PDB file of N, CA and C in Angstrom:
ATOM      1  N   UNK A   1       0.850  -1.186   0.000  1.00  0.00           N
ATOM      2  CA  UNK A   1       0.000   0.000   0.000  1.00  0.00           C
ATOM      3  C   UNK A   1       0.889   1.240   0.000  1.00  0.00           C
ATOM      4  N   UNK A   2       0.576   2.159  -0.856  1.00  0.00           N
ATOM      5  CA  UNK A   2       1.347   3.390  -0.949  1.00  0.00           C
ATOM      6  C   UNK A   2       1.106   4.262   0.287  1.00  0.00           C
ATOM      7  N   UNK A   3       2.107   5.035   0.646  1.00  0.00           N
ATOM      8  CA  UNK A   3       1.923   5.937   1.803  1.00  0.00           C
ATOM      9  C   UNK A   3       0.787   6.941   1.588  1.00  0.00           C
ATOM     10  N   UNK A   4       0.577   7.377   0.349  1.00  0.00           N
ATOM     11  CA  UNK A   4      -0.508   8.321   0.076  1.00  0.00           C
ATOM     12  C   UNK A   4      -1.869   7.693   0.361  1.00  0.00           C
ATOM     13  N   UNK A   5      -1.989   6.425   0.014  1.00  0.00           N
ATOM     14  CA  UNK A   5      -3.242   5.718   0.287  1.00  0.00           C
ATOM     15  C   UNK A   5      -3.466   5.592   1.790  1.00  0.00           C
ATOM     16  N   UNK A   6      -2.394   5.341   2.525  1.00  0.00           N
ATOM     17  CA  UNK A   6      -2.505   5.227   3.973  1.00  0.00           C
ATOM     18  C   UNK A   6      -2.893   6.569   4.601  1.00  0.00           C
ATOM     19  N   UNK A   7      -2.317   7.654   4.072  1.00  0.00           N
ATOM     20  CA  UNK A   7      -2.673   8.983   4.582  1.00  0.00           C
ATOM     21  C   UNK A   7      -4.149   9.285   4.333  1.00  0.00           C
ATOM     22  N   UNK A   8      -4.617   8.956   3.139  1.00  0.00           N
ATOM     23  CA  UNK A   8      -6.023   9.208   2.804  1.00  0.00           C
ATOM     24  C   UNK A   8      -6.945   8.372   3.691  1.00  0.00           C
ATOM     25  N   UNK A   9      -6.573   7.134   3.932  1.00  0.00           N
ATOM     26  CA  UNK A   9      -7.374   6.271   4.798  1.00  0.00           C
ATOM     27  C   UNK A   9      -7.371   6.792   6.229  1.00  0.00           C
ATOM     28  N   UNK A  10      -6.216   7.249   6.691  1.00  0.00           N
ATOM     29  CA  UNK A  10      -6.124   7.814   8.039  1.00  0.00           C
ATOM     30  C   UNK A  10      -6.983   9.067   8.174  1.00  0.00           C
ATOM     31  N   UNK A  11      -6.974   9.911   7.143  1.00  0.00           N
ATOM     32  CA  UNK A  11      -7.819  11.102   7.166  1.00  0.00           C
ATOM     33  C   UNK A  11      -9.293  10.713   7.207  1.00  0.00           C
ATOM     34  N   UNK A  12      -9.676   9.735   6.398  1.00  0.00           N
ATOM     35  CA  UNK A  12     -11.076   9.289   6.379  1.00  0.00           C
ATOM     36  C   UNK A  12     -11.494   8.741   7.740  1.00  0.00           C
ATOM     37  N   UNK A  13     -10.621   7.972   8.379  1.00  0.00           N
ATOM     38  CA  UNK A  13     -10.933   7.441   9.715  1.00  0.00           C
ATOM     39  C   UNK A  13     -11.100   8.564  10.725  1.00  0.00           C
ATOM     40  N   UNK A  14     -10.255   9.570  10.649  1.00  0.00           N
ATOM     41  CA  UNK A  14     -10.353  10.686  11.591  1.00  0.00           C
ATOM     42  C   UNK A  14     -11.585  11.548  11.341  1.00  0.00           C
ATOM     43  N   UNK A  15     -12.006  11.644  10.091  1.00  0.00           N
ATOM     44  CA  UNK A  15     -13.251  12.364   9.802  1.00  0.00           C
ATOM     45  C   UNK A  15     -14.422  11.626  10.444  1.00  0.00           C
ATOM     46  N   UNK A  16     -14.451  10.315  10.286  1.00  0.00           N
ATOM     47  CA  UNK A  16     -15.509   9.510  10.911  1.00  0.00           C
ATOM     48  C   UNK A  16     -15.469   9.649  12.431  1.00  0.00           C
ATOM     49  N   UNK A  17     -14.276   9.609  12.999  1.00  0.00           N
ATOM     50  CA  UNK A  17     -14.146   9.742  14.454  1.00  0.00           C
ATOM     51  C   UNK A  17     -14.616  11.113  14.933  1.00  0.00           C
ATOM     52  N   UNK A  18     -14.345  12.155  14.144  1.00  0.00           N
ATOM     53  CA  UNK A  18     -14.800  13.495  14.495  1.00  0.00           C
ATOM     54  C   UNK A  18     -16.326  13.555  14.507  1.00  0.00           C
ATOM     55  N   UNK A  19     -16.952  12.959  13.503  1.00  0.00           N
ATOM     56  CA  UNK A  19     -18.419  12.939  13.455  1.00  0.00           C
ATOM     57  C   UNK A  19     -19.004  12.127  14.606  1.00  0.00           C
ATOM     58  N   UNK A  20     -18.346  11.024  14.948  1.00  0.00           N
ATOM     59  CA  UNK A  20     -18.779  10.216  16.090  1.00  0.00           C
ATOM     60  C   UNK A  20     -18.632  10.997  17.388  1.00  0.00           C
ATOM     61  N   UNK A  21     -17.530  11.731  17.518  1.00  0.00           N
ATOM     62  CA  UNK A  21     -17.290  12.578  18.686  1.00  0.00           C
ATOM     63  C   UNK A  21     -18.409  13.604  18.848  1.00  0.00           C
ATOM     64  N   UNK A  22     -18.794  14.232  17.736  1.00  0.00           N
ATOM     65  CA  UNK A  22     -19.876  15.218  17.798  1.00  0.00           C
ATOM     66  C   UNK A  22     -21.186  14.564  18.225  1.00  0.00           C
ATOM     67  N   UNK A  23     -21.498  13.422  17.633  1.00  0.00           N
ATOM     68  CA  UNK A  23     -22.759  12.744  17.959  1.00  0.00           C
ATOM     69  C   UNK A  23     -22.799  12.286  19.415  1.00  0.00           C
ATOM     70  N   UNK A  24     -21.690  11.738  19.911  1.00  0.00           N
ATOM     71  CA  UNK A  24     -21.665  11.288  21.309  1.00  0.00           C
ATOM     72  C   UNK A  24     -21.832  12.455  22.269  1.00  0.00           C
ATOM     73  N   UNK A  25     -21.203  13.584  21.960  1.00  0.00           N
ATOM     74  CA  UNK A  25     -21.331  14.731  22.847  1.00  0.00           C
ATOM     75  C   UNK A  25     -22.705  15.365  22.763  1.00  0.00           C
ATOM     76  N   UNK A  26     -23.342  15.269  21.620  1.00  0.00           N
ATOM     77  CA  UNK A  26     -24.719  15.772  21.532  1.00  0.00           C
ATOM     78  C   UNK A  26     -25.682  14.867  22.294  1.00  0.00           C
ATOM     79  N   UNK A  27     -25.421  13.567  22.283  1.00  0.00           N
ATOM     80  CA  UNK A  27     -26.301  12.624  22.987  1.00  0.00           C
ATOM     81  C   UNK A  27     -26.089  12.658  24.495  1.00  0.00           C
ATOM     82  N   UNK A  28     -24.833  12.630  24.929  1.00  0.00           N
ATOM     83  CA  UNK A  28     -24.530  12.491  26.358  1.00  0.00           C
ATOM     84  C   UNK A  28     -23.950  13.746  26.990  1.00  0.00           C
ATOM     85  N   UNK A  29     -23.450  14.676  26.197  1.00  0.00           N
ATOM     86  CA  UNK A  29     -22.773  15.886  26.675  1.00  0.00           C
ATOM     87  C   UNK A  29     -21.701  15.540  27.708  1.00  0.00           C
ATOM     88  N   UNK A  30     -20.775  14.713  27.303  1.00  0.00           N
ATOM     89  CA  UNK A  30     -19.705  14.207  28.163  1.00  0.00           C
ATOM     90  C   UNK A  30     -18.853  15.335  28.732  1.00  0.00           C
ATOM     91  N   UNK A  31     -18.507  16.311  27.890  1.00  0.00           N
ATOM     92  CA  UNK A  31     -17.599  17.382  28.313  1.00  0.00           C
ATOM     93  C   UNK A  31     -18.338  18.665  28.692  1.00  0.00           C
ATOM     94  N   UNK A  32     -19.650  18.595  28.792  1.00  0.00           N
ATOM     95  CA  UNK A  32     -20.465  19.763  29.150  1.00  0.00           C
ATOM     96  C   UNK A  32     -20.225  20.939  28.213  1.00  0.00           C
ATOM     97  N   UNK A  33     -20.222  20.635  26.925  1.00  0.00           N
ATOM     98  CA  UNK A  33     -20.074  21.665  25.915  1.00  0.00           C
ATOM     99  C   UNK A  33     -21.446  22.255  25.593  1.00  0.00           C
ATOM    100  N   UNK A  34     -21.429  23.433  25.022  1.00  0.00           N
ATOM    101  CA  UNK A  34     -22.668  24.095  24.621  1.00  0.00           C
ATOM    102  C   UNK A  34     -23.291  23.309  23.468  1.00  0.00           C
ATOM    103  N   UNK A  35     -24.440  22.693  23.719  1.00  0.00           N
ATOM    104  CA  UNK A  35     -25.036  21.814  22.712  1.00  0.00           C
ATOM    105  C   UNK A  35     -25.515  22.574  21.476  1.00  0.00           C
ATOM    106  N   UNK A  36     -25.935  23.819  21.648  1.00  0.00           N
ATOM    107  CA  UNK A  36     -26.355  24.594  20.483  1.00  0.00           C
ATOM    108  C   UNK A  36     -25.182  24.843  19.535  1.00  0.00           C
ATOM    109  N   UNK A  37     -24.039  25.108  20.102  1.00  0.00           N
ATOM    110  CA  UNK A  37     -22.856  25.343  19.268  1.00  0.00           C
ATOM    111  C   UNK A  37     -22.349  24.044  18.657  1.00  0.00           C
ATOM    112  N   UNK A  38     -22.480  22.947  19.381  1.00  0.00           N
ATOM    113  CA  UNK A  38     -22.124  21.647  18.802  1.00  0.00           C
ATOM    114  C   UNK A  38     -23.058  21.285  17.659  1.00  0.00           C
ATOM    115  N   UNK A  39     -24.332  21.606  17.805  1.00  0.00           N
ATOM    116  CA  UNK A  39     -25.281  21.359  16.724  1.00  0.00           C
ATOM    117  C   UNK A  39     -24.921  22.180  15.499  1.00  0.00           C
ATOM    118  N   UNK A  40     -24.444  23.383  15.721  1.00  0.00           N
ATOM    119  CA  UNK A  40     -24.028  24.226  14.599  1.00  0.00           C
ATOM    120  C   UNK A  40     -22.852  23.588  13.861  1.00  0.00           C
ATOM    121  N   UNK A  41     -21.892  23.045  14.601  1.00  0.00           N
ATOM    122  CA  UNK A  41     -20.762  22.357  13.972  1.00  0.00           C
ATOM    123  C   UNK A  41     -21.250  21.136  13.199  1.00  0.00           C
ATOM    124  N   UNK A  42     -22.174  20.407  13.785  1.00  0.00           N
ATOM    125  CA  UNK A  42     -22.719  19.225  13.114  1.00  0.00           C
ATOM    126  C   UNK A  42     -23.443  19.625  11.832  1.00  0.00           C
ATOM    127  N   UNK A  43     -24.171  20.731  11.859  1.00  0.00           N
ATOM    128  CA  UNK A  43     -24.871  21.195  10.662  1.00  0.00           C
ATOM    129  C   UNK A  43     -23.890  21.605   9.565  1.00  0.00           C
ATOM    130  N   UNK A  44     -22.810  22.228   9.954  1.00  0.00           N
ATOM    131  CA  UNK A  44     -21.791  22.596   8.963  1.00  0.00           C
ATOM    132  C   UNK A  44     -21.176  21.336   8.362  1.00  0.00           C
ATOM    133  N   UNK A  45     -20.890  20.353   9.210  1.00  0.00           N
ATOM    134  CA  UNK A  45     -20.318  19.091   8.730  1.00  0.00           C
ATOM    135  C   UNK A  45     -21.302  18.376   7.796  1.00  0.00           C
ATOM    136  N   UNK A  46     -22.580  18.430   8.117  1.00  0.00           N
ATOM    137  CA  UNK A  46     -23.583  17.827   7.240  1.00  0.00           C
ATOM    138  C   UNK A  46     -23.718  18.603   5.943  1.00  0.00           C
ATOM    139  N   UNK A  47     -23.617  19.928   6.030  1.00  0.00           N
ATOM    140  CA  UNK A  47     -23.724  20.760   4.837  1.00  0.00           C
ATOM    141  C   UNK A  47     -22.585  20.465   3.857  1.00  0.00           C
ATOM    142  N   UNK A  48     -21.400  20.237   4.370  1.00  0.00           N
ATOM    143  CA  UNK A  48     -20.250  19.912   3.526  1.00  0.00           C
ATOM    144  C   UNK A  48     -20.111  18.402   3.302  1.00  0.00           C
ATOM    145  N   UNK A  49     -21.075  17.647   3.798  1.00  0.00           N
ATOM    146  CA  UNK A  49     -21.159  16.193   3.566  1.00  0.00           C
ATOM    147  C   UNK A  49     -19.874  15.457   3.960  1.00  0.00           C
ATOM    148  N   UNK A  50     -19.441  15.696   5.190  1.00  0.00           N
ATOM    149  CA  UNK A  50     -18.221  15.053   5.686  1.00  0.00           C
ATOM    150  C   UNK A  50     -18.328  13.532   5.664  1.00  0.00           C
ATOM    151  N   UNK A  51     -19.497  12.985   5.995  1.00  0.00           N
ATOM    152  CA  UNK A  51     -19.633  11.539   6.022  1.00  0.00           C
ATOM    153  C   UNK A  51     -19.480  10.936   4.627  1.00  0.00           C
ATOM    154  N   UNK A  52     -19.981  11.625   3.610  1.00  0.00           N
ATOM    155  CA  UNK A  52     -19.823  11.139   2.235  1.00  0.00           C
ATOM    156  C   UNK A  52     -18.377  11.263   1.792  1.00  0.00           C
ATOM    157  N   UNK A  53     -17.737  12.367   2.136  1.00  0.00           N
ATOM    158  CA  UNK A  53     -16.319  12.544   1.785  1.00  0.00           C
ATOM    159  C   UNK A  53     -15.464  11.465   2.422  1.00  0.00           C
ATOM    160  N   UNK A  54     -15.764  11.132   3.662  1.00  0.00           N
ATOM    161  CA  UNK A  54     -15.023  10.083   4.352  1.00  0.00           C
ATOM    162  C   UNK A  54     -15.216   8.733   3.666  1.00  0.00           C
ATOM    163  N   UNK A  55     -16.448   8.412   3.353  1.00  0.00           N
ATOM    164  CA  UNK A  55     -16.724   7.142   2.678  1.00  0.00           C
ATOM    165  C   UNK A  55     -16.043   7.066   1.316  1.00  0.00           C
ATOM    166  N   UNK A  56     -16.054   8.162   0.591  1.00  0.00           N
ATOM    167  CA  UNK A  56     -15.410   8.183  -0.720  1.00  0.00           C
ATOM    168  C   UNK A  56     -13.892   8.053  -0.609  1.00  0.00           C
ATOM    169  N   UNK A  57     -13.306   8.706   0.385  1.00  0.00           N
ATOM    170  CA  UNK A  57     -11.861   8.556   0.587  1.00  0.00           C
ATOM    171  C   UNK A  57     -11.499   7.109   0.881  1.00  0.00           C
ATOM    172  N   UNK A  58     -12.305   6.446   1.691  1.00  0.00           N
ATOM    173  CA  UNK A  58     -12.082   5.023   1.949  1.00  0.00           C
ATOM    174  C   UNK A  58     -12.201   4.210   0.662  1.00  0.00           C
ATOM    175  N   UNK A  59     -13.256   4.466  -0.080  1.00  0.00           N
ATOM    176  CA  UNK A  59     -13.555   3.668  -1.254  1.00  0.00           C
ATOM    177  C   UNK A  59     -12.485   3.789  -2.331  1.00  0.00           C
ATOM    178  N   UNK A  60     -12.099   5.019  -2.658  1.00  0.00           N
ATOM    179  CA  UNK A  60     -11.172   5.174  -3.784  1.00  0.00           C
ATOM    180  C   UNK A  60      -9.738   4.820  -3.437  1.00  0.00           C
ATOM    181  N   UNK A  61      -9.415   4.786  -2.169  1.00  0.00           N
ATOM    182  CA  UNK A  61      -8.040   4.462  -1.776  1.00  0.00           C
ATOM    183  C   UNK A  61      -7.912   3.055  -1.215  1.00  0.00           C
ATOM    184  N   UNK A  62      -8.895   2.240  -1.462  1.00  0.00           N
ATOM    185  CA  UNK A  62      -8.845   0.876  -0.959  1.00  0.00           C
ATOM    186  C   UNK A  62      -7.812   0.035  -1.725  1.00  0.00           C
ATOM    187  N   UNK A  63      -7.798   0.142  -3.055  1.00  0.00           N
ATOM    188  CA  UNK A  63      -6.928  -0.715  -3.852  1.00  0.00           C
ATOM    189  C   UNK A  63      -5.930   0.053  -4.721  1.00  0.00           C
ATOM    190  N   UNK A  64      -6.349   1.213  -5.239  1.00  0.00           N
ATOM    191  CA  UNK A  64      -5.510   1.957  -6.175  1.00  0.00           C
ATOM    192  C   UNK A  64      -5.449   3.414  -5.741  1.00  0.00           C
ATOM    193  N   UNK A  65      -4.278   4.008  -5.882  1.00  0.00           N
ATOM    194  CA  UNK A  65      -4.088   5.413  -5.536  1.00  0.00           C
ATOM    195  C   UNK A  65      -4.581   6.288  -6.680  1.00  0.00           C
ATOM    196  N   UNK A  66      -5.534   7.158  -6.397  1.00  0.00           N
ATOM    197  CA  UNK A  66      -6.072   8.090  -7.382  1.00  0.00           C
ATOM    198  C   UNK A  66      -5.829   9.511  -6.872  1.00  0.00           C
ATOM    199  N   UNK A  67      -4.692  10.119  -7.240  1.00  0.00           N
ATOM    200  CA  UNK A  67      -4.339  11.413  -6.643  1.00  0.00           C
ATOM    201  C   UNK A  67      -5.297  12.544  -7.011  1.00  0.00           C
ATOM    202  N   UNK A  68      -5.819  12.541  -8.228  1.00  0.00           N
ATOM    203  CA  UNK A  68      -6.681  13.637  -8.653  1.00  0.00           C
ATOM    204  C   UNK A  68      -7.978  13.683  -7.838  1.00  0.00           C
ATOM    205  N   UNK A  69      -8.653  12.545  -7.733  1.00  0.00           N
ATOM    206  CA  UNK A  69      -9.923  12.500  -7.006  1.00  0.00           C
ATOM    207  C   UNK A  69      -9.701  12.649  -5.502  1.00  0.00           C
ATOM    208  N   UNK A  70      -8.618  12.084  -4.994  1.00  0.00           N
ATOM    209  CA  UNK A  70      -8.317  12.220  -3.570  1.00  0.00           C
ATOM    210  C   UNK A  70      -8.086  13.685  -3.210  1.00  0.00           C
ATOM    211  N   UNK A  71      -7.294  14.392  -4.010  1.00  0.00           N
ATOM    212  CA  UNK A  71      -7.042  15.814  -3.747  1.00  0.00           C
ATOM    213  C   UNK A  71      -8.320  16.637  -3.856  1.00  0.00           C
ATOM    214  N   UNK A  72      -9.192  16.267  -4.784  1.00  0.00           N
ATOM    215  CA  UNK A  72     -10.482  16.948  -4.914  1.00  0.00           C
ATOM    216  C   UNK A  72     -11.311  16.782  -3.634  1.00  0.00           C
ATOM    217  N   UNK A  73     -11.376  15.553  -3.129  1.00  0.00           N
ATOM    218  CA  UNK A  73     -12.146  15.292  -1.902  1.00  0.00           C
ATOM    219  C   UNK A  73     -11.539  16.007  -0.701  1.00  0.00           C
ATOM    220  N   UNK A  74     -10.221  15.985  -0.616  1.00  0.00           N
ATOM    221  CA  UNK A  74      -9.554  16.643   0.512  1.00  0.00           C
ATOM    222  C   UNK A  74      -9.768  18.152   0.449  1.00  0.00           C
ATOM    223  N   UNK A  75      -9.750  18.731  -0.750  1.00  0.00           N
ATOM    224  CA  UNK A  75     -10.000  20.165  -0.883  1.00  0.00           C
ATOM    225  C   UNK A  75     -11.408  20.527  -0.441  1.00  0.00           C
ATOM    226  N   UNK A  76     -12.386  19.709  -0.814  1.00  0.00           N
ATOM    227  CA  UNK A  76     -13.763  19.955  -0.384  1.00  0.00           C
ATOM    228  C   UNK A  76     -13.882  19.840   1.127  1.00  0.00           C
ATOM    229  N   UNK A  77     -13.203  18.858   1.705  1.00  0.00           N
ATOM    230  CA  UNK A  77     -13.218  18.700   3.156  1.00  0.00           C
ATOM    231  C   UNK A  77     -12.557  19.897   3.833  1.00  0.00           C
ATOM    232  N   UNK A  78     -11.445  20.362   3.284  1.00  0.00           N
ATOM    233  CA  UNK A  78     -10.705  21.477   3.883  1.00  0.00           C
ATOM    234  C   UNK A  78     -11.537  22.758   3.912  1.00  0.00           C
ATOM    235  N   UNK A  79     -12.385  22.960   2.919  1.00  0.00           N
ATOM    236  CA  UNK A  79     -13.246  24.144   2.908  1.00  0.00           C
ATOM    237  C   UNK A  79     -14.206  24.127   4.101  1.00  0.00           C
ATOM    238  N   UNK A  80     -14.839  23.001   4.333  1.00  0.00           N
ATOM    239  CA  UNK A  80     -15.740  22.890   5.476  1.00  0.00           C
ATOM    240  C   UNK A  80     -15.005  22.959   6.795  1.00  0.00           C
ATOM    241  N   UNK A  81     -13.822  22.360   6.830  1.00  0.00           N
ATOM    242  CA  UNK A  81     -13.029  22.360   8.054  1.00  0.00           C
ATOM    243  C   UNK A  81     -12.588  23.772   8.421  1.00  0.00           C
ATOM    244  N   UNK A  82     -12.288  24.580   7.429  1.00  0.00           N
ATOM    245  CA  UNK A  82     -11.899  25.972   7.682  1.00  0.00           C
ATOM    246  C   UNK A  82     -13.032  26.741   8.344  1.00  0.00           C
ATOM    247  N   UNK A  83     -14.239  26.536   7.880  1.00  0.00           N
ATOM    248  CA  UNK A  83     -15.393  27.222   8.468  1.00  0.00           C
ATOM    249  C   UNK A  83     -15.625  26.758   9.900  1.00  0.00           C
ATOM    250  N   UNK A  84     -15.520  25.445  10.127  1.00  0.00           N
ATOM    251  CA  UNK A  84     -15.687  24.920  11.485  1.00  0.00           C
ATOM    252  C   UNK A  84     -14.591  25.456  12.399  1.00  0.00           C
ATOM    253  N   UNK A  85     -13.371  25.514  11.907  1.00  0.00           N
ATOM    254  CA  UNK A  85     -12.253  26.012  12.712  1.00  0.00           C
ATOM    255  C   UNK A  85     -12.458  27.478  13.096  1.00  0.00           C
ATOM    256  N   UNK A  86     -12.922  28.292  12.172  1.00  0.00           N
ATOM    257  CA  UNK A  86     -13.189  29.698  12.487  1.00  0.00           C
ATOM    258  C   UNK A  86     -14.300  29.826  13.528  1.00  0.00           C
ATOM    259  N   UNK A  87     -15.322  28.993  13.390  1.00  0.00           N
ATOM    260  CA  UNK A  87     -16.429  29.017  14.350  1.00  0.00           C
ATOM    261  C   UNK A  87     -15.954  28.618  15.745  1.00  0.00           C
ATOM    262  N   UNK A  88     -15.117  27.603  15.816  1.00  0.00           N
ATOM    263  CA  UNK A  88     -14.604  27.154  17.110  1.00  0.00           C
ATOM    264  C   UNK A  88     -13.690  28.220  17.717  1.00  0.00           C
ATOM    265  N   UNK A  89     -12.895  28.885  16.895  1.00  0.00           N
ATOM    266  CA  UNK A  89     -12.019  29.937  17.417  1.00  0.00           C
ATOM    267  C   UNK A  89     -12.835  31.100  17.986  1.00  0.00           C
ATOM    268  N   UNK A  90     -13.953  31.437  17.316  1.00  0.00           N
ATOM    269  CA  UNK A  90     -14.814  32.511  17.832  1.00  0.00           C
ATOM    270  C   UNK A  90     -15.527  32.124  19.121  1.00  0.00           C
ATOM    271  N   UNK A  91     -15.774  30.850  19.298  1.00  0.00           N
ATOM    272  CA  UNK A  91     -16.488  30.351  20.484  1.00  0.00           C
ATOM    273  C   UNK A  91     -15.583  29.427  21.286  1.00  0.00           C
ATOM    274  N   UNK A  92     -14.349  29.814  21.452  1.00  0.00           N
ATOM    275  CA  UNK A  92     -13.345  28.949  22.063  1.00  0.00           C
ATOM    276  C   UNK A  92     -13.713  28.536  23.485  1.00  0.00           C
ATOM    277  N   UNK A  93     -14.269  29.453  24.260  1.00  0.00           N
ATOM    278  CA  UNK A  93     -14.591  29.137  25.654  1.00  0.00           C
ATOM    279  C   UNK A  93     -15.624  28.020  25.773  1.00  0.00           C
ATOM    280  N   UNK A  94     -16.517  27.933  24.816  1.00  0.00           N
ATOM    281  CA  UNK A  94     -17.551  26.900  24.858  1.00  0.00           C
ATOM    282  C   UNK A  94     -17.139  25.613  24.152  1.00  0.00           C
ATOM    283  N   UNK A  95     -16.188  25.693  23.208  1.00  0.00           N
ATOM    284  CA  UNK A  95     -15.866  24.552  22.353  1.00  0.00           C
ATOM    285  C   UNK A  95     -14.393  24.161  22.390  1.00  0.00           C
ATOM    286  N   UNK A  96     -13.706  24.457  23.480  1.00  0.00           N
ATOM    287  CA  UNK A  96     -12.272  24.193  23.529  1.00  0.00           C
ATOM    288  C   UNK A  96     -11.923  22.719  23.375  1.00  0.00           C
ATOM    289  N   UNK A  97     -12.829  21.815  23.743  1.00  0.00           N
ATOM    290  CA  UNK A  97     -12.542  20.379  23.636  1.00  0.00           C
ATOM    291  C   UNK A  97     -12.528  19.892  22.189  1.00  0.00           C
ATOM    292  N   UNK A  98     -13.056  20.670  21.283  1.00  0.00           N
ATOM    293  CA  UNK A  98     -13.101  20.288  19.871  1.00  0.00           C
ATOM    294  C   UNK A  98     -11.780  20.634  19.174  1.00  0.00           C
ATOM    295  N   UNK A  99     -10.996  21.513  19.753  1.00  0.00           N
ATOM    296  CA  UNK A  99      -9.790  21.998  19.078  1.00  0.00           C
ATOM    297  C   UNK A  99      -8.766  20.894  18.824  1.00  0.00           C
ATOM    298  N   UNK A 100      -8.668  19.924  19.696  1.00  0.00           N
ATOM    299  CA  UNK A 100      -7.716  18.829  19.480  1.00  0.00           C
ATOM    300  C   UNK A 100      -8.068  18.012  18.253  1.00  0.00           C
ATOM    301  N   UNK A 101      -9.341  17.714  18.083  1.00  0.00           N
ATOM    302  CA  UNK A 101      -9.790  16.984  16.887  1.00  0.00           C
ATOM    303  C   UNK A 101      -9.544  17.802  15.629  1.00  0.00           C
ATOM    304  N   UNK A 102      -9.832  19.092  15.707  1.00  0.00           N
ATOM    305  CA  UNK A 102      -9.625  19.952  14.540  1.00  0.00           C
ATOM    306  C   UNK A 102      -8.147  20.053  14.178  1.00  0.00           C
ATOM    307  N   UNK A 103      -7.303  20.125  15.179  1.00  0.00           N
ATOM    308  CA  UNK A 103      -5.859  20.187  14.946  1.00  0.00           C
ATOM    309  C   UNK A 103      -5.389  18.961  14.166  1.00  0.00           C
ATOM    310  N   UNK A 104      -5.858  17.793  14.573  1.00  0.00           N
ATOM    311  CA  UNK A 104      -5.488  16.553  13.890  1.00  0.00           C
ATOM    312  C   UNK A 104      -5.994  16.557  12.454  1.00  0.00           C
ATOM    313  N   UNK A 105      -7.242  16.947  12.252  1.00  0.00           N
ATOM    314  CA  UNK A 105      -7.808  16.963  10.909  1.00  0.00           C
ATOM    315  C   UNK A 105      -7.111  17.968  10.003  1.00  0.00           C
ATOM    316  N   UNK A 106      -6.772  19.126  10.539  1.00  0.00           N
ATOM    317  CA  UNK A 106      -6.070  20.127   9.729  1.00  0.00           C
ATOM    318  C   UNK A 106      -4.700  19.624   9.306  1.00  0.00           C
ATOM    319  N   UNK A 107      -3.985  18.998  10.217  1.00  0.00           N
ATOM    320  CA  UNK A 107      -2.655  18.496   9.876  1.00  0.00           C
ATOM    321  C   UNK A 107      -2.713  17.345   8.884  1.00  0.00           C
ATOM    322  N   UNK A 108      -3.678  16.462   9.031  1.00  0.00           N
ATOM    323  CA  UNK A 108      -3.806  15.360   8.076  1.00  0.00           C
ATOM    324  C   UNK A 108      -4.208  15.853   6.691  1.00  0.00           C
ATOM    325  N   UNK A 109      -5.095  16.827   6.633  1.00  0.00           N
ATOM    326  CA  UNK A 109      -5.489  17.350   5.323  1.00  0.00           C
ATOM    327  C   UNK A 109      -4.380  18.192   4.700  1.00  0.00           C
ATOM    328  N   UNK A 110      -3.514  18.773   5.518  1.00  0.00           N
ATOM    329  CA  UNK A 110      -2.385  19.556   4.990  1.00  0.00           C
ATOM    330  C   UNK A 110      -1.347  18.658   4.314  1.00  0.00           C
ATOM    331  N   UNK A 111      -1.349  17.375   4.609  1.00  0.00           N
ATOM    332  CA  UNK A 111      -0.420  16.448   3.948  1.00  0.00           C
ATOM    333  C   UNK A 111      -0.688  16.342   2.458  1.00  0.00           C
ATOM    334  N   UNK A 112      -1.876  16.720   2.030  1.00  0.00           N
ATOM    335  CA  UNK A 112      -2.257  16.626   0.628  1.00  0.00           C
ATOM    336  C   UNK A 112      -2.152  17.946  -0.103  1.00  0.00           C
ATOM    337  N   UNK A 113      -1.675  18.988   0.553  1.00  0.00           N
ATOM    338  CA  UNK A 113      -1.601  20.293  -0.090  1.00  0.00           C
ATOM    339  C   UNK A 113      -0.587  20.274  -1.223  1.00  0.00           C
ATOM    340  N   UNK A 114      -0.911  21.024  -2.233  1.00  0.00           N
ATOM    341  CA  UNK A 114      -0.050  21.082  -3.419  1.00  0.00           C
ATOM    342  C   UNK A 114       0.996  22.161  -3.229  1.00  0.00           C
ATOM    343  N   UNK A 115       2.205  21.842  -3.571  1.00  0.00           N
ATOM    344  CA  UNK A 115       3.300  22.827  -3.439  1.00  0.00           C
ATOM    345  C   UNK A 115       3.584  23.480  -4.776  1.00  0.00           C
TER     346      UNK A 115
END
């Protein structure tokens, strides 16, 4: 397996984990975060179809490396992630527990940036 395929798979897994993190905190409010602001993040993630992007990254990088389509998916994900990151920065006091997940996602998606 090529390292690029592994990076894409790792990014897809982390996107899924981020969505699971949001859903668990909305259901149980483990970290006592502001649920209205978490719902806003979830709506942004749904608007940018993070779950579909994650599934597609898994699918296309399962057997063969497709750099063009992978970069397209990562770029679409990065656009939504930028909006979520700005929202979390504006509401840092209420959403500080989300910053670690965002940091990981930003760094993984930056591995695909074009130089």
